[in-house]
């Protein structure tokens, strides 16, 4: 399972990359999550301008197996969504760390329980 070192992870299997100044968070799902879901057939993304709180359900990913909610790991405002996924949701399966879902600006309430690489690897080892 691919777990890049430079990212942070949630227990719900989202990954988070922060801008250098920590004001923008880019969010996607992990390699483990896409593998567990199977073939992704639909992605519903938030609206640009949505104000969100940490823990809010912002997006849905539907696979041939199930539908999964994607939760915001931070509070802020949605400033960008990956519109390519609306027409090609399978891109998440092909490159989960390149195909981000949405970006949140004016980041606050950064979860103290975001996991780094080793802790996330331990989590997925327990779940596998």
Protein backbone atom coordinates (compact mmCIF):
# COMPACT_ATOMS: atom_id res chain seq x y z
CA UNK A 1 0.00 0.00 0.00
CA UNK A 2 1.38 3.37 -1.00
CA UNK A 3 1.54 5.88 1.91
CA UNK A 4 3.49 9.05 0.97
CA UNK A 5 5.52 10.56 3.79
CA UNK A 6 4.72 14.23 3.09
CA UNK A 7 0.95 13.88 3.68
CA UNK A 8 -1.27 13.67 6.75
CA UNK A 9 -4.04 11.09 7.12
CA UNK A 10 -7.37 10.68 8.90
CA UNK A 11 -8.84 7.59 10.51
CA UNK A 12 -11.54 7.78 7.79
CA UNK A 13 -8.81 7.27 5.14
CA UNK A 14 -8.60 10.75 3.69
CA UNK A 15 -5.23 12.31 2.96
CA UNK A 16 -4.44 15.98 3.55
CA UNK A 17 -1.70 18.15 2.09
CA UNK A 18 -1.22 21.62 3.54
CA UNK A 19 0.18 24.62 1.72
CA UNK A 20 3.45 25.91 3.15
CA UNK A 21 1.63 28.61 5.14
CA UNK A 22 -1.02 26.10 6.32
CA UNK A 23 -3.82 28.26 4.86
CA UNK A 24 -4.95 25.78 2.18
CA UNK A 25 -5.69 22.09 2.70
CA UNK A 26 -5.94 19.74 -0.28
CA UNK A 27 -7.97 16.60 0.48
CA UNK A 28 -8.28 13.23 -1.25
CA UNK A 29 -8.71 9.57 -0.38
CA UNK A 30 -5.88 7.17 0.30
CA UNK A 31 -4.66 4.25 -1.73
CA UNK A 32 -6.05 1.96 0.99
CA UNK A 33 -9.50 3.62 0.72
CA UNK A 34 -9.70 3.33 -3.06
CA UNK A 35 -8.55 -0.29 -2.85
CA UNK A 36 -11.24 -1.12 -0.28
CA UNK A 37 -13.93 0.65 -2.33
CA UNK A 38 -13.10 -1.09 -5.58
CA UNK A 39 -14.02 0.45 -8.92
CA UNK A 40 -15.18 4.03 -8.32
CA UNK A 41 -18.13 4.93 -10.55
CA UNK A 42 -19.36 8.29 -9.19
CA UNK A 43 -18.03 11.25 -7.20
CA UNK A 44 -20.19 14.02 -5.69
CA UNK A 45 -18.14 17.07 -4.71
CA UNK A 46 -18.94 20.11 -2.54
CA UNK A 47 -19.80 23.50 -4.00
CA UNK A 48 -17.11 26.17 -4.30
CA UNK A 49 -17.79 28.74 -1.59
CA UNK A 50 -19.25 26.24 0.89
CA UNK A 51 -18.17 27.06 4.43
CA UNK A 52 -17.39 23.84 6.27
CA UNK A 53 -16.58 22.71 9.76
CA UNK A 54 -14.11 20.03 10.68
CA UNK A 55 -15.89 16.66 10.53
CA UNK A 56 -18.59 17.77 8.06
CA UNK A 57 -19.45 15.32 5.30
CA UNK A 58 -18.45 17.15 2.11
CA UNK A 59 -18.39 14.60 -0.67
CA UNK A 60 -19.53 11.12 -1.60
CA UNK A 61 -17.66 8.46 -3.49
CA UNK A 62 -19.69 5.64 -4.97
CA UNK A 63 -18.12 2.38 -6.04
CA UNK A 64 -19.49 -0.88 -7.31
CA UNK A 65 -19.38 -2.03 -3.65
CA UNK A 66 -20.70 0.91 -1.61
CA UNK A 67 -21.05 4.66 -1.07
CA UNK A 68 -18.62 6.42 1.27
CA UNK A 69 -18.83 9.87 2.81
CA UNK A 70 -15.74 12.06 2.69
CA UNK A 71 -15.28 14.24 5.76
CA UNK A 72 -13.51 17.55 6.12
CA UNK A 73 -10.36 17.27 8.24
CA UNK A 74 -10.36 21.06 8.81
CA UNK A 75 -12.71 24.04 8.97
CA UNK A 76 -12.67 26.68 6.24
CA UNK A 77 -14.13 27.48 2.83
CA UNK A 78 -14.14 25.26 -0.26
CA UNK A 79 -12.17 27.14 -2.92
CA UNK A 80 -11.63 24.48 -5.57
CA UNK A 81 -12.94 21.07 -6.58
CA UNK A 82 -11.42 18.53 -8.95
CA UNK A 83 -14.03 18.73 -11.70
CA UNK A 84 -12.23 16.11 -13.82
CA UNK A 85 -13.54 13.49 -11.38
CA UNK A 86 -17.15 14.32 -12.24
CA UNK A 87 -16.63 12.86 -15.72
CA UNK A 88 -13.88 10.39 -14.87
CA UNK A 89 -14.30 9.16 -11.26
CA UNK A 90 -12.10 6.14 -12.02
CA UNK A 91 -9.08 8.49 -11.96
CA UNK A 92 -9.16 8.15 -8.16
CA UNK A 93 -8.48 4.41 -8.52
CA UNK A 94 -5.63 5.05 -10.94
CA UNK A 95 -3.79 7.75 -8.92
CA UNK A 96 -5.35 8.41 -5.49
CA UNK A 97 -2.58 10.80 -4.36
CA UNK A 98 -2.67 12.85 -7.55
CA UNK A 99 -6.47 13.04 -7.85
CA UNK A 100 -7.46 15.30 -4.98
CA UNK A 101 -11.15 15.94 -4.32
CA UNK A 102 -11.35 19.49 -2.97
CA UNK A 103 -9.31 22.34 -1.50
CA UNK A 104 -10.22 24.30 1.62
CA UNK A 105 -8.88 27.80 2.30
CA UNK A 106 -8.75 29.84 5.50
CA UNK A 107 -7.95 26.62 7.29
CA UNK A 108 -8.66 26.42 11.00
CA UNK A 109 -9.36 23.67 13.51
CA UNK A 110 -6.65 21.44 12.12
CA UNK A 111 -7.32 18.07 13.64
CA UNK A 112 -4.74 17.26 16.25
CA UNK A 113 -5.39 13.62 15.50
CA UNK A 114 -4.19 13.77 11.90
CA UNK A 115 -1.88 10.84 11.42
CA UNK A 116 1.57 10.82 9.95
CA UNK A 117 2.85 8.03 7.70
CA UNK A 118 3.87 5.49 10.36
CA UNK A 119 0.71 5.89 12.44
CA UNK A 120 -1.47 5.58 9.34
CA UNK A 121 0.41 2.46 8.22
CA UNK A 122 -0.27 0.97 11.66
CA UNK A 123 -3.97 1.83 11.31
CA UNK A 124 -4.35 0.14 7.94
CA UNK A 125 -2.37 -2.89 9.12
CA UNK A 126 -4.93 -3.32 11.93
CA UNK A 127 -7.85 -2.98 9.50
CA UNK A 128 -6.44 -5.27 6.81
